[in-house]
Amino acid sequence: MFKKLFYALILTTSILSAEEIFQVDNFEVSLFSKLSKEAVQIETSIIFEGRDVEVYDFKIIDALNVVISSFFAENLLTSQGKEGLKVALIKYTRDKYSIDIDHIYIQKLNIVKNVTATMIIDELRKEGYIKK
């Protein structure tokens, strides 16, 4: 009887503390460059590991947008910058949304292209936000 109760308790504990994985593939964002003083397109793929990360994926995407925008493009290309991004994301999601992210794994983080003001205006015209 004691063994069954013990195993049931362990199983329940492991189910309750099970971590989920949420993967963001090919996330693109424009960041400012300290060097060129222009926007730079960054592409990243990140894996989030923690509790309820699949359920609140939309909150994690929001946090990713907010936090990554606080970095310069060049900073994210260094190991210190990547570690800083991870720490900031974990702290922001915990404080803002009460989501516990235990680990973040950056699979890819690349500069795609420089973005000029003309390119942004042209894109806004294509989408119909700016009339000619």
C-alpha atoms as a PDB file:
ATOM      1  CA  MET A   1       0.000   0.000   0.000  1.00  0.00           C
ATOM      2  CA  PHE A   2       2.792   2.396   0.959  1.00  0.00           C
ATOM      3  CA  LYS A   3       4.640   1.684  -2.310  1.00  0.00           C
ATOM      4  CA  LYS A   4       1.566   2.471  -4.429  1.00  0.00           C
ATOM      5  CA  LEU A   5       0.965   5.706  -2.553  1.00  0.00           C
ATOM      6  CA  PHE A   6       4.630   6.652  -2.874  1.00  0.00           C
ATOM      7  CA  TYR A   7       4.670   5.988  -6.643  1.00  0.00           C
ATOM      8  CA  ALA A   8       1.392   7.874  -7.106  1.00  0.00           C
ATOM      9  CA  LEU A   9       2.850  10.844  -5.242  1.00  0.00           C
ATOM     10  CA  ILE A  10       6.013  10.826  -7.365  1.00  0.00           C
ATOM     11  CA  LEU A  11       3.996  10.543 -10.584  1.00  0.00           C
ATOM     12  CA  THR A  12       1.705  13.411  -9.576  1.00  0.00           C
ATOM     13  CA  THR A  13       4.674  15.590  -8.634  1.00  0.00           C
ATOM     14  CA  SER A  14       6.450  14.897 -11.909  1.00  0.00           C
ATOM     15  CA  ILE A  15       3.320  15.675 -13.930  1.00  0.00           C
ATOM     16  CA  LEU A  16       2.722  18.941 -12.078  1.00  0.00           C
ATOM     17  CA  SER A  17       6.305  20.097 -12.478  1.00  0.00           C
ATOM     18  CA  ALA A  18       6.669  18.974 -16.081  1.00  0.00           C
ATOM     19  CA  GLU A  19       8.187  21.551 -18.358  1.00  0.00           C
ATOM     20  CA  GLU A  20       6.816  22.508 -21.711  1.00  0.00           C
ATOM     21  CA  ILE A  21       8.699  23.672 -24.764  1.00  0.00           C
ATOM     22  CA  PHE A  22       7.682  26.548 -27.010  1.00  0.00           C
ATOM     23  CA  GLN A  23       9.716  27.128 -30.145  1.00  0.00           C
ATOM     24  CA  VAL A  24       9.817  30.377 -32.099  1.00  0.00           C
ATOM     25  CA  ASP A  25      11.199  29.897 -35.611  1.00  0.00           C
ATOM     26  CA  ASN A  26      12.435  32.634 -37.932  1.00  0.00           C
ATOM     27  CA  PHE A  27      11.344  35.554 -35.751  1.00  0.00           C
ATOM     28  CA  GLU A  28      12.236  38.810 -37.525  1.00  0.00           C
ATOM     29  CA  VAL A  29      12.600  42.225 -35.950  1.00  0.00           C
ATOM     30  CA  SER A  30      14.220  45.523 -36.919  1.00  0.00           C
ATOM     31  CA  LEU A  31      16.768  46.858 -34.446  1.00  0.00           C
ATOM     32  CA  PHE A  32      18.902  49.952 -34.527  1.00  0.00           C
ATOM     33  CA  SER A  33      22.595  49.699 -35.214  1.00  0.00           C
ATOM     34  CA  LYS A  34      24.985  51.728 -33.067  1.00  0.00           C
ATOM     35  CA  LEU A  35      27.504  51.803 -35.895  1.00  0.00           C
ATOM     36  CA  SER A  36      25.420  52.660 -38.947  1.00  0.00           C
ATOM     37  CA  LYS A  37      22.665  54.576 -37.056  1.00  0.00           C
ATOM     38  CA  GLU A  38      20.124  52.731 -39.219  1.00  0.00           C
ATOM     39  CA  ALA A  39      17.722  49.884 -38.683  1.00  0.00           C
ATOM     40  CA  VAL A  40      19.009  46.353 -39.155  1.00  0.00           C
ATOM     41  CA  GLN A  41      16.818  43.308 -39.756  1.00  0.00           C
ATOM     42  CA  ILE A  42      17.519  40.509 -37.237  1.00  0.00           C
ATOM     43  CA  GLU A  43      16.256  36.942 -37.603  1.00  0.00           C
ATOM     44  CA  THR A  44      16.269  34.533 -34.694  1.00  0.00           C
ATOM     45  CA  SER A  45      14.976  31.126 -33.665  1.00  0.00           C
ATOM     46  CA  ILE A  46      14.573  30.520 -29.934  1.00  0.00           C
ATOM     47  CA  ILE A  47      13.324  27.677 -27.740  1.00  0.00           C
ATOM     48  CA  PHE A  48      11.641  28.483 -24.418  1.00  0.00           C
ATOM     49  CA  GLU A  49      11.470  25.813 -21.720  1.00  0.00           C
ATOM     50  CA  GLY A  50       9.261  26.195 -18.650  1.00  0.00           C
ATOM     51  CA  ARG A  51       5.807  25.878 -17.216  1.00  0.00           C
ATOM     52  CA  ASP A  52       2.827  27.058 -19.276  1.00  0.00           C
ATOM     53  CA  VAL A  53       4.998  28.337 -22.137  1.00  0.00           C
ATOM     54  CA  GLU A  54       2.774  26.666 -24.741  1.00  0.00           C
ATOM     55  CA  VAL A  55      -0.412  28.007 -23.172  1.00  0.00           C
ATOM     56  CA  TYR A  56       0.876  31.583 -23.030  1.00  0.00           C
ATOM     57  CA  ASP A  57       2.866  31.591 -26.261  1.00  0.00           C
ATOM     58  CA  PHE A  58       1.303  34.924 -27.301  1.00  0.00           C
ATOM     59  CA  LYS A  59       2.614  36.551 -24.113  1.00  0.00           C
ATOM     60  CA  ILE A  60       6.082  35.174 -24.757  1.00  0.00           C
ATOM     61  CA  ILE A  61       6.039  36.580 -28.302  1.00  0.00           C
ATOM     62  CA  ASP A  62       5.002  39.954 -26.882  1.00  0.00           C
ATOM     63  CA  ALA A  63       7.818  39.797 -24.331  1.00  0.00           C
ATOM     64  CA  LEU A  64      10.290  38.836 -27.065  1.00  0.00           C
ATOM     65  CA  ASN A  65       9.218  41.866 -29.126  1.00  0.00           C
ATOM     66  CA  VAL A  66       9.504  44.243 -26.180  1.00  0.00           C
ATOM     67  CA  VAL A  67      12.770  42.944 -24.742  1.00  0.00           C
ATOM     68  CA  ILE A  68      14.710  42.399 -27.968  1.00  0.00           C
ATOM     69  CA  SER A  69      13.873  45.972 -29.028  1.00  0.00           C
ATOM     70  CA  SER A  70      15.840  47.277 -26.057  1.00  0.00           C
ATOM     71  CA  PHE A  71      19.089  45.927 -27.543  1.00  0.00           C
ATOM     72  CA  PHE A  72      21.283  47.294 -30.299  1.00  0.00           C
ATOM     73  CA  ALA A  73      21.886  44.857 -33.160  1.00  0.00           C
ATOM     74  CA  GLU A  74      25.630  44.668 -32.486  1.00  0.00           C
ATOM     75  CA  ASN A  75      25.060  43.751 -28.836  1.00  0.00           C
ATOM     76  CA  LEU A  76      23.052  40.678 -29.792  1.00  0.00           C
ATOM     77  CA  LEU A  77      25.922  39.341 -31.872  1.00  0.00           C
ATOM     78  CA  THR A  78      28.138  38.916 -28.801  1.00  0.00           C
ATOM     79  CA  SER A  79      27.871  36.127 -26.256  1.00  0.00           C
ATOM     80  CA  GLN A  80      27.312  38.693 -23.494  1.00  0.00           C
ATOM     81  CA  GLY A  81      24.476  40.231 -25.486  1.00  0.00           C
ATOM     82  CA  LYS A  82      22.812  36.874 -26.072  1.00  0.00           C
ATOM     83  CA  GLU A  83      23.084  35.982 -22.384  1.00  0.00           C
ATOM     84  CA  GLY A  84      21.724  39.435 -21.515  1.00  0.00           C
ATOM     85  CA  LEU A  85      18.764  38.830 -23.819  1.00  0.00           C
ATOM     86  CA  LYS A  86      18.024  35.509 -22.116  1.00  0.00           C
ATOM     87  CA  VAL A  87      18.177  37.026 -18.624  1.00  0.00           C
ATOM     88  CA  ALA A  88      16.030  40.002 -19.634  1.00  0.00           C
ATOM     89  CA  LEU A  89      13.405  37.750 -21.264  1.00  0.00           C
ATOM     90  CA  ILE A  90      13.160  35.479 -18.229  1.00  0.00           C
ATOM     91  CA  LYS A  91      12.857  38.465 -15.871  1.00  0.00           C
ATOM     92  CA  TYR A  92      10.352  40.333 -18.049  1.00  0.00           C
ATOM     93  CA  THR A  93       8.018  37.340 -18.549  1.00  0.00           C
ATOM     94  CA  ARG A  94       8.177  36.538 -14.837  1.00  0.00           C
ATOM     95  CA  ASP A  95       7.476  40.111 -13.689  1.00  0.00           C
ATOM     96  CA  LYS A  96       4.960  41.117 -16.379  1.00  0.00           C
ATOM     97  CA  TYR A  97       3.059  37.867 -17.002  1.00  0.00           C
ATOM     98  CA  SER A  98       3.989  35.536 -14.097  1.00  0.00           C
ATOM     99  CA  ILE A  99       5.344  32.968 -16.556  1.00  0.00           C
ATOM    100  CA  ASP A 100       8.196  30.792 -15.309  1.00  0.00           C
ATOM    101  CA  ILE A 101      10.739  30.257 -18.048  1.00  0.00           C
ATOM    102  CA  ASP A 102      13.526  28.006 -16.836  1.00  0.00           C
ATOM    103  CA  HIS A 103      15.746  27.948 -19.912  1.00  0.00           C
ATOM    104  CA  ILE A 104      16.076  29.761 -23.207  1.00  0.00           C
ATOM    105  CA  TYR A 105      18.035  28.276 -26.088  1.00  0.00           C
ATOM    106  CA  ILE A 106      19.014  30.513 -28.981  1.00  0.00           C
ATOM    107  CA  GLN A 107      19.171  28.343 -32.080  1.00  0.00           C
ATOM    108  CA  LYS A 108      19.932  31.133 -34.543  1.00  0.00           C
ATOM    109  CA  LEU A 109      20.486  34.868 -34.404  1.00  0.00           C
ATOM    110  CA  ASN A 110      21.581  36.577 -37.623  1.00  0.00           C
ATOM    111  CA  ILE A 111      21.578  39.980 -39.232  1.00  0.00           C
ATOM    112  CA  VAL A 112      19.499  39.633 -42.372  1.00  0.00           C
ATOM    113  CA  LYS A 113      19.868  43.067 -43.981  1.00  0.00           C
ATOM    114  CA  ASN A 114      20.085  46.772 -43.309  1.00  0.00           C
ATOM    115  CA  VAL A 115      16.735  48.496 -43.451  1.00  0.00           C
ATOM    116  CA  THR A 116      16.590  52.081 -44.682  1.00  0.00           C
ATOM    117  CA  ALA A 117      13.836  54.634 -44.155  1.00  0.00           C
ATOM    118  CA  THR A 118      13.041  54.419 -47.864  1.00  0.00           C
ATOM    119  CA  MET A 119      12.547  50.649 -47.582  1.00  0.00           C
ATOM    120  CA  ILE A 120      10.150  51.115 -44.652  1.00  0.00           C
ATOM    121  CA  ILE A 121       8.160  53.794 -46.488  1.00  0.00           C
ATOM    122  CA  ASP A 122       7.981  51.630 -49.624  1.00  0.00           C
ATOM    123  CA  GLU A 123       6.710  48.700 -47.562  1.00  0.00           C
ATOM    124  CA  LEU A 124       4.084  50.900 -45.891  1.00  0.00           C
ATOM    125  CA  ARG A 125       2.957  52.108 -49.330  1.00  0.00           C
ATOM    126  CA  LYS A 126       2.640  48.510 -50.554  1.00  0.00           C
ATOM    127  CA  GLU A 127       0.469  47.681 -47.540  1.00  0.00           C
ATOM    128  CA  GLY A 128      -1.716  50.755 -48.169  1.00  0.00           C
ATOM    129  CA  TYR A 129      -0.794  52.661 -45.013  1.00  0.00           C
ATOM    130  CA  ILE A 130       0.739  55.555 -46.956  1.00  0.00           C
ATOM    131  CA  LYS A 131      -0.822  57.039 -50.060  1.00  0.00           C
ATOM    132  CA  LYS A 132       1.425  58.265 -52.885  1.00  0.00           C
END
